[in-house]
Protein backbone atom coordinates (compact mmCIF):
# COMPACT_ATOMS: atom_id res chain seq x y z
CA UNK A 1 -1.61 -26.61 35.08
CA UNK A 2 -0.10 -23.24 34.66
CA UNK A 3 -2.65 -20.58 33.57
CA UNK A 4 -5.48 -23.28 32.92
CA UNK A 5 -8.23 -20.87 31.98
CA UNK A 6 -5.95 -18.61 29.62
CA UNK A 7 -4.81 -21.75 27.76
CA UNK A 8 -8.57 -22.74 27.32
CA UNK A 9 -9.36 -19.28 26.09
CA UNK A 10 -6.56 -19.37 23.59
CA UNK A 11 -7.63 -22.75 22.34
CA UNK A 12 -11.24 -21.39 21.87
CA UNK A 13 -10.09 -18.35 20.02
CA UNK A 14 -8.08 -20.43 17.75
CA UNK A 15 -10.87 -22.69 16.80
CA UNK A 16 -13.13 -19.54 16.27
CA UNK A 17 -10.56 -18.18 13.62
CA UNK A 18 -10.86 -21.38 11.75
CA UNK A 19 -14.38 -21.43 12.10
CA UNK A 20 -14.98 -17.97 10.78
CA UNK A 21 -12.67 -18.87 7.83
CA UNK A 22 -9.87 -16.29 8.81
CA UNK A 23 -7.47 -19.09 8.65
CA UNK A 24 -6.89 -22.81 8.22
CA UNK A 25 -4.67 -25.65 9.55
CA UNK A 26 -1.56 -24.36 11.36
CA UNK A 27 -1.74 -21.00 9.65
CA UNK A 28 -1.90 -18.54 12.24
CA UNK A 29 -1.09 -17.92 15.82
CA UNK A 30 -2.92 -16.62 18.99
CA UNK A 31 -1.53 -15.67 22.47
CA UNK A 32 -2.61 -14.03 25.59
CA UNK A 33 -0.73 -12.22 28.25
CA UNK A 34 -1.43 -12.67 31.81
CA UNK A 35 0.94 -10.49 33.91
CA UNK A 36 4.55 -11.51 33.04
CA UNK A 37 3.43 -14.79 31.38
CA UNK A 38 2.25 -15.30 27.89
CA UNK A 39 0.12 -18.45 26.71
CA UNK A 40 0.68 -19.23 22.86
CA UNK A 41 -0.58 -21.66 20.32
CA UNK A 42 1.99 -24.49 19.78
CA UNK A 43 3.78 -25.45 16.67
CA UNK A 44 2.72 -28.46 14.70
CA UNK A 45 -1.09 -28.57 15.62
CA UNK A 46 -3.81 -27.36 13.59
CA UNK A 47 -5.69 -24.38 15.27
CA UNK A 48 -9.03 -26.00 15.42
CA UNK A 49 -7.37 -29.19 17.13
CA UNK A 50 -5.26 -27.25 19.81
CA UNK A 51 -5.72 -28.46 23.38
CA UNK A 52 -5.06 -26.46 26.65
CA UNK A 53 -2.14 -28.88 27.49
CA UNK A 54 -0.62 -28.27 24.10
CA UNK A 55 -0.22 -24.50 24.68
CA UNK A 56 3.05 -23.43 25.85
CA UNK A 57 3.46 -20.71 28.64
CA UNK A 58 6.54 -18.44 28.58
CA UNK A 59 7.75 -15.53 30.47
CA UNK A 60 7.78 -12.25 28.76
CA UNK A 61 11.51 -12.58 28.21
CA UNK A 62 11.00 -15.66 26.00
CA UNK A 63 11.80 -18.39 28.58
CA UNK A 64 9.61 -21.49 28.28
CA UNK A 65 8.12 -22.44 31.47
CA UNK A 66 5.36 -25.09 30.67
CA UNK A 67 3.77 -26.96 27.92
CA UNK A 68 4.04 -30.27 26.17
CA UNK A 69 4.68 -28.81 22.88
CA UNK A 70 7.00 -26.07 21.33
CA UNK A 71 5.91 -22.67 20.71
CA UNK A 72 4.67 -21.88 17.16
CA UNK A 73 7.29 -20.17 14.87
CA UNK A 74 5.61 -16.65 15.29
CA UNK A 75 5.84 -16.60 19.09
CA UNK A 76 8.88 -14.31 18.37
CA UNK A 77 6.60 -11.73 16.89
CA UNK A 78 3.98 -12.13 19.68
CA UNK A 79 6.62 -11.78 22.36
CA UNK A 80 8.17 -8.83 20.60
CA UNK A 81 4.65 -6.97 20.44
CA UNK A 82 4.00 -7.64 24.25
CA UNK A 83 7.35 -6.09 25.03
CA UNK A 84 6.81 -3.01 22.58
CA UNK A 85 3.14 -2.28 22.98
CA UNK A 86 0.37 -2.25 25.91
CA UNK A 87 -1.42 -5.58 24.16
CA UNK A 88 -2.98 -8.00 26.27
CA UNK A 89 -3.57 -10.36 23.25
CA UNK A 90 -2.14 -10.92 19.82
CA UNK A 91 -4.01 -12.71 16.98
CA UNK A 92 -2.10 -13.50 13.62
CA UNK A 93 -3.84 -15.06 10.77
CA UNK A 94 -3.14 -16.13 7.01
CA UNK A 95 -6.52 -14.58 6.10
CA UNK A 96 -7.31 -14.46 2.22
CA UNK A 97 -7.98 -10.79 1.88
CA UNK A 98 -4.94 -9.66 4.02
CA UNK A 99 -2.56 -11.91 2.12
CA UNK A 100 -3.90 -10.66 -1.09
CA UNK A 101 -3.39 -6.92 -0.05
CA UNK A 102 -0.15 -7.59 1.75
CA UNK A 103 1.24 -8.90 -1.55
CA UNK A 104 0.29 -5.96 -3.64
CA UNK A 105 0.38 -2.78 -1.45
CA UNK A 106 2.60 -0.68 0.90
CA UNK A 107 -0.25 0.41 2.83
CA UNK A 108 -4.02 -0.47 3.13
CA UNK A 109 -5.61 3.13 2.79
CA UNK A 110 -8.89 3.94 4.88
CA UNK A 111 -11.67 3.77 2.75
CA UNK A 112 -14.10 3.08 5.34
CA UNK A 113 -14.74 4.89 8.45
CA UNK A 114 -14.21 1.75 10.55
CA UNK A 115 -10.54 1.98 9.74
CA UNK A 116 -10.38 4.47 12.52
CA UNK A 117 -10.81 1.68 15.15
CA UNK A 118 -7.38 0.05 13.87
CA UNK A 119 -5.69 3.44 13.61
CA UNK A 120 -6.50 4.56 10.18
CA UNK A 121 -4.19 3.59 7.36
CA UNK A 122 -2.68 0.08 7.77
CA UNK A 123 1.00 -0.43 7.21
CA UNK A 124 2.48 -3.34 5.30
CA UNK A 125 5.82 -4.28 6.59
CA UNK A 126 8.76 -5.02 4.43
CA UNK A 127 9.02 -8.67 3.56
CA UNK A 128 10.80 -11.01 6.23
CA UNK A 129 11.01 -14.57 6.64
CA UNK A 130 8.36 -15.80 9.06
CA UNK A 131 9.54 -16.68 12.54
CA UNK A 132 12.48 -14.35 12.52
CA UNK A 133 13.57 -11.51 14.86
CA UNK A 134 13.66 -9.29 11.60
CA UNK A 135 9.92 -9.70 11.04
CA UNK A 136 9.16 -9.21 14.75
CA UNK A 137 11.00 -5.73 14.60
CA UNK A 138 9.06 -4.78 11.38
CA UNK A 139 5.93 -5.57 12.97
CA UNK A 140 6.43 -3.62 16.13
CA UNK A 141 7.31 -0.66 13.98
CA UNK A 142 4.16 -1.18 11.82
CA UNK A 143 2.03 -1.48 15.19
CA UNK A 144 3.02 2.11 16.36
CA UNK A 145 -0.32 3.94 16.94
CA UNK A 146 -2.07 0.95 15.39
CA UNK A 147 -4.23 -2.02 16.55
CA UNK A 148 -3.45 -4.11 13.18
CA UNK A 149 -0.44 -4.46 10.57
CA UNK A 150 -0.22 -6.38 7.35
CA UNK A 151 2.87 -8.58 6.75
CA UNK A 152 4.10 -8.43 3.27
CA UNK A 153 3.27 -11.65 1.32
CA UNK A 154 2.15 -13.23 4.44
CA UNK A 155 -1.08 -12.13 6.22
CA UNK A 156 -2.10 -9.82 9.02
CA UNK A 157 -1.59 -9.40 12.82
CA UNK A 158 -3.74 -7.64 15.16
CA UNK A 159 -3.54 -6.62 18.96
CA UNK A 160 -6.01 -5.85 21.71
CA UNK A 161 -6.59 -5.54 25.34
CA UNK A 162 -7.84 -9.12 25.53
CA UNK A 163 -8.41 -12.07 23.13
CA UNK A 164 -11.92 -10.67 22.07
CA UNK A 165 -10.72 -7.48 21.16
CA UNK A 166 -7.67 -8.68 19.32
CA UNK A 167 -9.85 -11.27 17.33
CA UNK A 168 -12.49 -8.61 16.50
CA UNK A 169 -9.43 -6.34 15.18
CA UNK A 170 -8.23 -9.28 12.92
CA UNK A 171 -11.75 -9.82 11.64
CA UNK A 172 -12.02 -5.90 10.96
CA UNK A 173 -8.55 -6.00 9.24
CA UNK A 174 -9.62 -9.04 7.01
CA UNK A 175 -13.14 -7.08 5.97
CA UNK A 176 -11.28 -3.87 5.32
CA UNK A 177 -8.98 -5.64 2.96
CA UNK A 178 -12.00 -7.23 1.23
CA UNK A 179 -13.63 -3.92 0.89
CA UNK A 180 -10.45 -2.46 -0.56
CA UNK A 181 -10.27 -5.18 -3.15
CA UNK A 182 -13.82 -5.02 -4.39
CA UNK A 183 -13.64 -1.12 -4.51
CA UNK A 184 -10.49 -1.25 -6.33
CA UNK A 185 -11.98 -3.48 -9.01
CA UNK A 186 -14.46 -0.41 -9.78
CA UNK A 187 -12.00 2.26 -9.77
CA UNK A 188 -9.86 4.33 -7.52
CA UNK A 189 -11.38 4.32 -4.01
CA UNK A 190 -12.08 7.41 -2.15
CA UNK A 191 -9.65 7.55 0.77
CA UNK A 192 -10.65 9.30 4.01
CA UNK A 193 -8.51 12.00 5.45
CA UNK A 194 -7.27 12.13 8.84
CA UNK A 195 -9.53 14.83 9.93
CA UNK A 196 -12.58 12.42 8.71
CA UNK A 197 -10.92 9.73 10.76
CA UNK A 198 -10.69 11.82 13.81
CA UNK A 199 -14.12 12.86 13.78
CA UNK A 200 -15.15 9.10 13.63
CA UNK A 201 -12.97 8.65 16.76
CA UNK A 202 -14.50 11.48 18.57
CA UNK A 203 -18.08 10.42 17.68
CA UNK A 204 -17.10 6.90 18.95
CA UNK A 205 -17.01 8.15 22.49
CA UNK A 206 -20.80 9.02 22.61
CA UNK A 207 -24.06 7.03 22.51
CA UNK A 208 -26.04 6.47 19.33
CA UNK A 209 -26.83 10.28 18.96
CA UNK A 210 -23.23 11.41 19.07
CA UNK A 211 -22.16 14.67 20.12
CA UNK A 212 -24.59 16.61 17.92
CA UNK A 213 -27.49 18.42 19.52
CA UNK A 214 -31.02 16.95 18.51
């Protein structure tokens, strides 16, 4: 079976998304790139029930090479992300907080320093029907300089060097959306500046003590 280990890893990641409450049923897609090939979750199967043999293998140009099921509808978005970024993996989920924020805001402002790990403020794409080239194009634009984006009235997408990092970025996006929703209930959240976020990125390159002299 072509890319057997990658297929297993995609299935495991998909199950973890469901187990962690980030998505349910068929609401989401997971993919990983291996050279010029991509493994993606299939259409018509709940993410916690996907088996390796279900997962289609595609060439980066979109040609279906192997798999007993058709690719998920959002595969168009995943393939566009691979062609337009250096991502090694893509995770898309209809997580609750991301869906709420994506329905109300044009951008998720950085109100917690960990937003720096995703690129700062997170853009919300203009609304486009799922599975379309239009949505894929909007997502690629939103991911410029970012590790995650919000899809209007839909959910979120995150990229990373591998499945673990992409999943962590998706989890962080959902957490940041939740923090914003709770903070906004109390008043106008304090938004971190680009300089403050830059300092967070700078400090992240050091050990626990950071760049400061003790």
